Protein backbone atom coordinates (compact mmCIF):
# COMPACT_ATOMS: atom_id res chain seq x y z
CA MET A 1 75.36 47.00 99.53
CA ASN A 2 72.18 44.77 99.70
CA VAL A 3 71.87 42.22 102.71
CA ARG A 4 71.81 38.62 101.78
CA ARG A 5 70.85 35.61 103.90
CA VAL A 6 73.54 33.04 104.55
CA ASP A 7 71.11 30.20 104.29
CA ALA A 8 69.76 31.24 101.06
CA LEU A 9 73.04 31.37 99.03
CA ASP A 10 72.70 29.54 95.86
CA PRO A 11 75.82 27.33 94.64
CA ALA A 12 76.90 30.26 92.35
CA GLU A 13 76.99 32.88 95.18
CA ARG A 14 78.75 30.48 97.40
CA ALA A 15 81.46 29.87 94.99
CA ALA A 16 81.95 33.36 94.47
CA LEU A 17 82.63 33.91 98.28
CA PHE A 18 84.47 30.70 99.17
CA ASP A 19 86.28 29.74 95.96
CA ARG A 20 88.04 32.91 95.47
CA ASP A 21 91.12 32.92 93.21
CA ALA A 22 93.88 35.45 92.53
CA GLY A 23 93.31 35.53 88.88
CA VAL A 24 96.61 33.66 88.41
CA GLU A 25 95.52 31.31 85.73
CA ALA A 26 94.44 34.20 83.30
CA VAL A 27 97.88 35.33 83.04
CA ARG A 28 99.92 32.32 83.97
CA ASP A 29 101.26 31.95 80.46
CA ASP A 30 102.18 35.48 79.79
CA ALA A 31 103.98 35.39 83.13
CA ARG A 32 105.70 32.20 82.19
CA ALA A 33 106.98 33.90 79.01
CA ILE A 34 108.26 36.88 81.05
CA VAL A 35 110.09 34.63 83.57
CA ASP A 36 111.82 32.61 80.61
CA ARG A 37 112.74 35.80 78.87
CA VAL A 38 114.37 37.16 82.08
CA ARG A 39 115.96 34.01 82.95
CA SER A 40 117.71 33.80 79.30
CA GLU A 41 118.37 37.51 78.72
CA GLY A 42 118.94 38.99 82.19
CA ASP A 43 119.14 42.83 82.38
CA VAL A 44 118.51 43.36 78.82
CA ALA A 45 115.10 41.64 79.27
CA ILE A 46 114.28 43.71 82.45
CA ARG A 47 114.84 46.99 80.72
CA GLU A 48 112.91 46.14 77.75
CA LEU A 49 109.89 44.80 79.82
CA SER A 50 110.11 48.00 82.03
CA SER A 51 109.52 50.08 78.89
CA GLU A 52 107.04 47.76 77.41
CA ILE A 53 104.96 47.14 80.56
CA ASP A 54 105.53 50.10 82.99
CA GLY A 55 106.37 52.57 80.38
CA VAL A 56 109.56 53.61 82.12
CA GLU A 57 113.17 53.62 80.56
CA VAL A 58 115.31 52.17 83.09
CA GLY A 59 119.07 53.20 83.44
CA ASN A 60 120.49 51.82 86.54
CA LEU A 61 118.72 48.66 87.85
CA ASP A 62 120.67 49.09 91.36
CA VAL A 63 119.12 52.01 93.22
CA THR A 64 120.55 51.23 96.55
CA ASP A 65 122.34 54.57 96.70
CA GLN A 66 118.98 56.41 96.60
CA VAL A 67 117.48 55.20 100.01
CA GLU A 68 119.57 56.97 102.36
CA ARG A 69 119.15 60.25 100.43
CA ALA A 70 115.54 59.55 100.36
CA TYR A 71 115.28 59.12 104.00
CA GLU A 72 116.91 62.42 104.54
CA GLU A 73 114.78 64.21 102.06
CA ILE A 74 111.18 63.15 103.14
CA ASP A 75 109.34 65.40 105.70
CA ASP A 76 109.85 64.78 109.47
CA GLU A 77 106.47 63.63 110.15
CA THR A 78 106.75 60.87 107.59
CA ARG A 79 110.01 59.92 108.79
CA HIS A 80 109.03 59.63 112.23
CA ALA A 81 105.93 57.50 111.27
CA ILE A 82 108.11 55.08 109.42
CA GLU A 83 110.37 54.80 112.28
CA ASP A 84 107.46 54.36 114.84
CA ALA A 85 106.05 51.45 112.64
CA ALA A 86 109.36 50.04 112.03
CA GLU A 87 110.19 49.81 115.75
CA ASN A 88 106.62 48.14 116.54
CA VAL A 89 107.29 45.56 113.67
CA ARG A 90 110.70 44.87 114.89
CA ALA A 91 109.56 44.49 118.58
CA PHE A 92 106.77 42.15 117.61
CA HIS A 93 109.11 39.89 115.46
CA GLU A 94 111.97 39.68 117.83
CA ARG A 95 109.49 37.86 120.01
CA GLN A 96 109.20 35.18 117.51
CA ARG A 97 112.88 34.12 117.39
CA PRO A 98 113.30 30.72 118.56
CA GLU A 99 116.01 29.39 120.59
CA ASP A 100 118.30 26.36 119.91
CA TRP A 101 117.65 23.58 122.52
CA THR A 102 118.97 20.22 123.61
CA ASP A 103 117.51 17.84 126.29
CA ASP A 104 117.97 14.43 127.54
CA PHE A 105 115.44 11.90 126.57
CA GLU A 106 116.42 8.62 128.64
CA GLY A 107 120.11 9.01 127.77
CA ARG A 108 119.37 10.16 124.11
CA THR A 109 120.53 13.91 123.78
CA LEU A 110 118.25 15.42 121.39
CA GLY A 111 117.75 19.04 120.27
CA ARG A 112 116.67 21.50 117.44
CA ARG A 113 118.69 24.27 116.05
CA PHE A 114 117.56 27.30 113.92
CA ARG A 115 119.68 29.02 111.17
CA PRO A 116 118.64 31.80 108.87
CA LEU A 117 118.67 31.73 105.16
CA GLU A 118 121.63 33.46 103.64
CA THR A 119 119.76 35.46 100.86
CA VAL A 120 116.22 36.59 100.45
CA GLY A 121 114.45 38.88 97.98
CA VAL A 122 111.33 41.05 99.06
CA TYR A 123 108.89 42.31 96.55
CA ALA A 124 107.59 45.74 97.46
CA PRO A 125 104.52 46.54 95.29
CA GLY A 126 103.90 49.73 93.49
CA GLY A 127 101.24 50.19 90.84
CA THR A 128 98.25 52.41 91.74
CA ALA A 129 99.52 53.11 95.25
CA ALA A 130 102.87 52.85 97.00
CA TYR A 131 103.42 50.47 99.98
CA PRO A 132 106.28 51.45 102.21
CA SER A 133 104.46 49.42 104.85
CA SER A 134 104.89 46.25 102.83
CA VAL A 135 108.69 46.99 102.81
CA LEU A 136 108.74 46.97 106.60
CA MET A 137 106.72 43.82 106.65
CA GLY A 138 109.02 41.91 104.52
CA VAL A 139 112.33 43.26 105.25
CA ILE A 140 112.22 43.48 109.19
CA PRO A 141 111.50 39.91 110.00
CA ALA A 142 114.14 38.72 107.63
CA VAL A 143 116.60 41.11 109.37
CA VAL A 144 115.34 39.92 112.67
CA ALA A 145 116.00 36.23 111.49
CA GLY A 146 119.65 37.08 110.72
CA VAL A 147 119.54 36.75 107.08
CA ASP A 148 122.87 37.87 105.66
CA HIS A 149 121.66 39.74 102.38
CA VAL A 150 118.11 41.11 101.84
CA ALA A 151 117.27 42.53 98.58
CA VAL A 152 114.32 44.56 97.71
CA ALA A 153 112.60 44.86 94.25
CA THR A 154 110.06 47.55 93.62
CA PRO A 155 108.63 48.75 90.31
CA PRO A 156 110.53 51.43 88.21
CA ALA A 157 109.33 54.97 88.03
CA GLU A 158 110.63 58.14 86.63
CA GLU A 159 111.02 58.84 90.37
CA ILE A 160 110.48 55.87 92.80
CA ASN A 161 108.36 56.96 95.60
CA PRO A 162 110.80 58.44 98.23
CA VAL A 163 108.63 57.17 101.12
CA THR A 164 109.02 53.56 99.87
CA LEU A 165 112.87 54.14 99.48
CA ALA A 166 113.04 55.63 102.95
CA ALA A 167 111.25 52.61 104.42
CA ILE A 168 113.77 50.44 102.77
CA HIS A 169 116.54 52.30 104.53
CA VAL A 170 114.78 52.10 107.97
CA ALA A 171 114.08 48.46 107.54
CA GLY A 172 117.67 47.59 106.68
CA ALA A 173 117.69 46.14 103.33
CA ASP A 174 121.12 45.45 101.75
CA ALA A 175 120.11 46.17 98.12
CA VAL A 176 117.36 47.81 96.15
CA TYR A 177 116.53 47.12 92.38
CA GLN A 178 113.88 49.01 90.38
CA VAL A 179 112.18 46.14 88.71
CA GLY A 180 108.45 45.13 89.02
CA GLY A 181 106.07 42.54 88.09
CA ALA A 182 106.78 39.01 87.00
CA GLN A 183 110.20 40.32 85.80
CA ALA A 184 111.06 41.09 89.35
CA VAL A 185 110.18 37.74 90.68
CA ALA A 186 112.20 36.24 87.77
CA ALA A 187 115.28 38.25 88.35
CA LEU A 188 115.42 37.45 92.19
CA ALA A 189 114.91 33.73 91.64
CA TYR A 190 117.42 33.32 88.88
CA GLY A 191 119.75 36.44 88.96
CA THR A 192 120.76 38.70 86.30
CA GLU A 193 124.29 40.61 85.50
CA THR A 194 123.18 43.09 88.12
CA ILE A 195 120.74 41.13 90.49
CA ASN A 196 121.82 38.14 92.47
CA ALA A 197 119.73 35.03 92.87
CA VAL A 198 118.19 34.69 96.12
CA GLN A 199 117.21 31.62 98.32
CA LYS A 200 113.62 32.87 98.93
CA VAL A 201 111.16 35.36 97.27
CA VAL A 202 108.49 36.90 99.57
CA GLY A 203 106.20 39.68 99.49
CA PRO A 204 102.58 40.55 98.14
CA GLY A 205 101.76 41.59 94.36
CA ASN A 206 99.44 41.50 91.78
CA GLN A 207 98.40 38.50 89.90
CA TRP A 208 101.48 38.81 87.58
CA VAL A 209 103.68 38.78 90.45
CA THR A 210 101.71 35.81 92.11
CA ALA A 211 101.68 33.87 88.63
CA ALA A 212 105.54 34.23 88.42
CA LYS A 213 105.93 33.05 91.98
CA ALA A 214 104.02 29.93 90.96
CA GLU A 215 106.44 29.49 88.01
CA VAL A 216 109.55 29.66 89.77
CA ARG A 217 108.63 27.74 92.91
CA GLY A 218 110.53 24.75 92.96
CA ASP A 219 113.66 26.50 91.70
CA VAL A 220 113.54 28.98 94.58
CA GLU A 221 111.33 28.98 97.64
CA ILE A 222 108.44 31.40 97.98
CA ASP A 223 106.29 32.41 101.06
CA PHE A 224 102.76 31.58 99.55
CA LEU A 225 100.65 32.58 96.51
CA ALA A 226 98.61 35.68 97.77
CA GLY A 227 95.51 37.08 96.06
CA PRO A 228 93.61 40.14 96.37
CA SER A 229 93.17 41.58 99.86
CA GLU A 230 90.15 40.59 101.80
CA VAL A 231 88.44 41.26 105.25
CA LEU A 232 85.62 39.49 106.94
CA VAL A 233 83.76 41.18 109.92
CA VAL A 234 81.93 39.34 112.46
CA ALA A 235 79.25 41.56 114.06
CA ASP A 236 76.61 41.15 116.69
CA GLU A 237 74.08 43.73 118.07
CA THR A 238 76.68 45.35 119.94
CA ALA A 239 78.62 46.39 116.96
CA ASP A 240 78.69 49.75 115.74
CA PRO A 241 77.48 49.64 112.15
CA SER A 242 79.37 52.56 110.96
CA LEU A 243 82.81 51.45 112.23
CA VAL A 244 82.21 47.98 110.66
CA ALA A 245 81.27 49.88 107.29
CA ALA A 246 84.46 51.99 107.56
CA ASP A 247 86.58 48.81 107.70
CA LEU A 248 84.98 47.21 104.75
CA VAL A 249 85.57 50.38 102.59
CA ALA A 250 89.25 50.71 103.81
CA GLN A 251 89.93 47.19 102.43
CA ALA A 252 87.92 47.84 99.33
CA GLU A 253 90.28 50.64 98.69
CA HIS A 254 93.20 48.26 98.00
CA GLY A 255 91.92 47.28 94.54
CA GLU A 256 88.79 46.45 92.42
CA THR A 257 89.28 42.67 93.24
CA SER A 258 89.37 43.09 96.93
CA SER A 259 86.95 40.91 98.87
CA VAL A 260 85.02 42.67 101.87
CA VAL A 261 82.40 40.77 103.84
CA ALA A 262 80.44 41.36 107.00
CA VAL A 263 78.28 38.69 108.55
CA SER A 264 75.78 39.35 111.58
CA ASP A 265 73.12 37.39 113.44
CA ASP A 266 71.20 40.64 113.99
CA GLU A 267 69.04 41.84 111.14
CA ALA A 268 69.04 45.51 112.21
CA THR A 269 72.80 45.61 112.38
CA ALA A 270 73.34 43.97 109.04
CA ASP A 271 70.91 46.55 107.59
CA ALA A 272 72.69 49.46 109.14
CA ILE A 273 75.93 48.29 107.99
CA ALA A 274 74.88 47.87 104.47
CA ALA A 275 73.56 51.53 104.72
CA ALA A 276 76.74 52.90 106.36
CA VAL A 277 78.92 51.48 103.69
CA ASP A 278 77.54 53.65 100.87
CA ASP A 279 78.03 56.71 103.26
CA HIS A 280 81.76 55.91 103.89
CA ALA A 281 82.43 55.27 100.30
CA THR A 282 81.04 58.47 99.16
CA GLY A 283 83.51 61.06 98.55
CA ARG A 284 86.60 58.89 99.09
CA GLU A 285 89.66 59.68 96.80
CA ARG A 286 89.66 56.15 95.52
CA GLU A 287 85.70 55.94 95.32
CA GLU A 288 85.67 54.34 91.90
CA THR A 289 87.95 51.40 93.04
CA ILE A 290 86.10 51.18 96.27
CA ARG A 291 82.78 50.71 94.53
CA ALA A 292 83.98 48.34 92.15
CA ALA A 293 85.27 46.01 94.93
CA LEU A 294 82.05 46.61 96.98
CA ASP A 295 79.92 45.54 93.98
CA SER A 296 81.93 42.45 93.34
CA ASP A 297 80.18 38.88 93.82
CA ALA A 298 82.85 38.23 96.53
CA SER A 299 81.68 41.00 98.57
CA GLY A 300 78.58 41.57 100.62
CA VAL A 301 76.82 41.88 103.95
CA PHE A 302 75.29 38.85 105.22
CA LEU A 303 72.51 37.80 107.83
CA ALA A 304 72.95 34.61 109.73
CA ARG A 305 70.37 32.85 111.71
CA SER A 306 72.58 32.64 114.63
CA MET A 307 76.05 33.45 115.71
CA SER A 308 76.91 29.79 115.40
CA GLU A 309 76.04 30.14 111.61
CA ALA A 310 78.06 33.38 111.57
CA VAL A 311 80.98 31.61 112.94
CA LEU A 312 80.76 28.58 110.49
CA PHE A 313 80.53 31.11 107.63
CA ALA A 314 83.67 32.90 108.94
CA GLU A 315 85.59 29.62 109.37
CA GLU A 316 84.59 28.48 105.78
CA TYR A 317 85.74 31.84 104.42
CA ALA A 318 88.94 31.63 106.10
CA PRO A 319 89.79 35.39 105.72
CA GLU A 320 93.08 37.23 105.34
CA HIS A 321 91.75 39.57 107.83
CA LEU A 322 89.30 38.81 110.42
CA SER A 323 87.57 41.30 112.54
CA ILE A 324 85.27 40.54 115.30
CA GLN A 325 83.17 43.26 116.64
CA ALA A 326 80.95 41.60 119.08
CA ASP A 327 80.47 40.77 122.64
CA ASP A 328 83.01 38.23 123.85
CA ALA A 329 85.10 38.44 120.84
CA ASP A 330 87.83 36.36 122.47
CA SER A 331 85.38 33.36 122.82
CA LEU A 332 84.31 33.79 119.15
CA LEU A 333 88.00 33.83 117.86
CA ASP A 334 88.55 30.46 119.67
CA ARG A 335 85.78 29.07 117.35
CA ILE A 336 87.35 30.44 114.10
CA PRO A 337 90.83 28.92 113.83
CA SER A 338 91.35 29.74 110.17
CA ALA A 339 92.34 33.36 109.87
CA GLY A 340 95.56 35.23 108.65
CA SER A 341 95.27 38.02 111.14
CA ALA A 342 92.53 38.64 113.86
CA PHE A 343 91.38 42.09 115.12
CA LEU A 344 89.16 42.18 118.13
CA GLY A 345 86.87 44.98 119.26
CA PRO A 346 85.74 48.20 117.97
CA TYR A 347 89.16 50.04 118.36
CA SER A 348 91.09 47.33 116.41
CA PRO A 349 90.83 48.59 112.83
CA VAL A 350 92.47 46.41 110.16
CA ALA A 351 94.46 49.55 109.15
CA ALA A 352 96.23 49.63 112.43
CA GLY A 353 97.77 46.17 111.64
CA ASP A 354 98.29 47.32 108.27
CA TYR A 355 100.76 49.94 109.38
CA ALA A 356 101.64 50.22 113.04
CA THR A 357 100.74 47.59 115.58
CA GLY A 358 103.70 45.44 114.73
CA THR A 359 101.92 42.27 113.47
CA ASN A 360 102.73 41.37 109.79
CA HIS A 361 100.39 42.25 107.01
CA VAL A 362 101.79 39.98 104.49
CA LEU A 363 98.99 37.33 104.93
CA PRO A 364 97.48 34.20 103.28
CA THR A 365 94.40 34.90 100.99
CA ASN A 366 91.90 32.82 99.07
CA GLY A 367 91.25 30.43 102.11
CA LYS A 368 94.83 29.64 102.44
CA ALA A 369 94.58 30.67 106.21
CA ARG A 370 93.24 27.05 106.55
CA VAL A 371 96.55 25.66 106.27
CA THR A 372 99.22 28.49 106.66
CA GLY A 373 99.88 31.60 108.48
CA GLY A 374 101.38 34.98 107.49
CA LEU A 375 105.06 36.19 107.03
CA SER A 376 107.07 35.85 110.11
CA VAL A 377 110.60 35.32 111.40
CA ASP A 378 109.93 31.58 110.82
CA THR A 379 109.57 32.25 107.23
CA PHE A 380 113.25 33.09 106.92
CA LEU A 381 114.62 30.14 109.13
CA ARG A 382 115.47 26.52 108.55
CA SER A 383 115.54 23.96 111.39
CA THR A 384 117.81 21.07 111.90
CA THR A 385 117.22 18.23 114.60
CA VAL A 386 120.30 17.06 116.33
CA GLN A 387 120.86 13.80 118.16
CA ARG A 388 123.82 12.13 120.08
CA LEU A 389 123.47 8.65 121.35
CA SER A 390 125.58 6.87 124.01
CA ARG A 391 126.39 3.12 123.44
CA ASP A 392 123.94 2.35 126.23
CA ALA A 393 121.12 4.83 124.75
CA LEU A 394 121.63 2.90 121.22
CA GLY A 395 121.52 -0.37 123.01
CA ASP A 396 118.15 0.59 124.57
CA LEU A 397 116.82 1.33 120.96
CA ARG A 398 118.61 -1.61 119.39
CA GLU A 399 115.62 -4.12 119.26
CA THR A 400 113.14 -1.47 118.37
CA VAL A 401 115.26 -0.18 115.27
CA THR A 402 116.23 -3.75 114.04
CA THR A 403 112.74 -5.16 114.36
CA LEU A 404 111.16 -2.34 112.63
CA ALA A 405 113.99 -2.36 109.89
CA ASP A 406 113.50 -6.11 109.33
CA ALA A 407 109.68 -5.44 109.18
CA GLU A 408 110.38 -2.90 106.09
CA GLY A 409 112.82 -5.27 104.43
CA LEU A 410 115.72 -3.01 105.12
CA GLU A 411 118.39 -5.45 106.51
CA ALA A 412 121.16 -3.15 106.09
CA HIS A 413 119.50 -0.62 108.49
CA ALA A 414 119.32 -3.27 111.06
CA HIS A 415 122.86 -4.22 110.46
CA SER A 416 124.23 -0.59 110.86
CA VAL A 417 122.88 -0.80 114.29
CA ASP A 418 124.13 -4.31 114.97
CA ALA A 419 127.53 -3.61 113.76
CA ARG A 420 128.14 -1.12 116.91
CA PHE A 421 127.64 -4.08 119.19
CA GLU A 422 129.95 -6.62 117.52
CA ASP A 423 133.00 -7.78 119.55
CA GLY A 424 136.42 -7.85 118.00
CA ASP A 425 135.85 -11.41 116.52
CA GLY A 426 132.69 -10.10 114.63
CA ALA A 427 130.19 -11.95 117.14
CA ALA A 428 127.42 -9.79 118.15
CA ASP A 429 127.77 -8.64 121.56
CA THR A 430 124.58 -9.25 123.53
CA GLU A 431 125.58 -7.32 126.65
């Protein structure tokens, strides 16, 4: 990788970095056709699309009975790793559960209550790699939130990855269906003869999955429209260039469209990171994929004139994963509010969060961290505000309410308050 200067980026280079997209529009029409087909034809369409797109002849769509068997059959080391990761994810998300509350506000009893959704669908990607970790990240927060029925959809295969199925068992999903891509999103959104419709669809996927989520949004809730994975590392002269490079290569391994970026205010460090990237990429099992991502216009190593410029660069980028390998990382993080998940210090690789720290790895991409956070227990809850007023409390508010209602031309609103103070003869009680 070559080092480029932040202050020398031309408009096209800046657009490649800061105007990232998920490639959704390129497949939007085709995804819409798939969604419509599943919505009208149900299971028949899913089986035909599985054959056409995935090259798999699907028998039973419901494979729930396979998950416990897969859990028993995988090796002990993998089983223990899944259980350890699940325990950490569960513990972190348990801390997120909000409590109902009520309080007295000068005679007004006000409060807020939280209730889980009844049904959700979690998409667990397949494709070029299996992602049992995404199962844990999607299912466990829903279970912790108290969702009654959690369904998982994962792409079909002659033999579905047993580690993915085992993770579904450990996470506690209620139903599992072998269906992938846009057709999975459609099936969860609208239901078929086999698959029950859900209230919300969550989970990462390729551009087809994202395009389908964009199509069904409005008929069913979704988490957010996620694009290719991305990382931005802020490094100063104290950073170990080899460790920074290792994190970039690890993120590039996700796919050819992954965006991997490092920015430093130290020229020697930036040069060393760029050199180390090639060393770490060489000989990797997915080297071809890694190098395609590294060569993307949305990836690179950048030299800033100062750490302030590096911080501004990072904030404008608003990364899915933000790694700060620099002195006083906490202070720098305070200056970068827009990031899906932050990793501080040399011993906090993004991969640790991907699998085992307990934080969620389903995160906003394409700069959406400016306005939203990642998957959490909150994703699966709805809140209700509650109020109870005494006659005296309403009396205290009477003039405020009626004055504002009259100002808005909503006379009946004002009357609904005044009516509560009319005496038996219909005259307004002024007490």
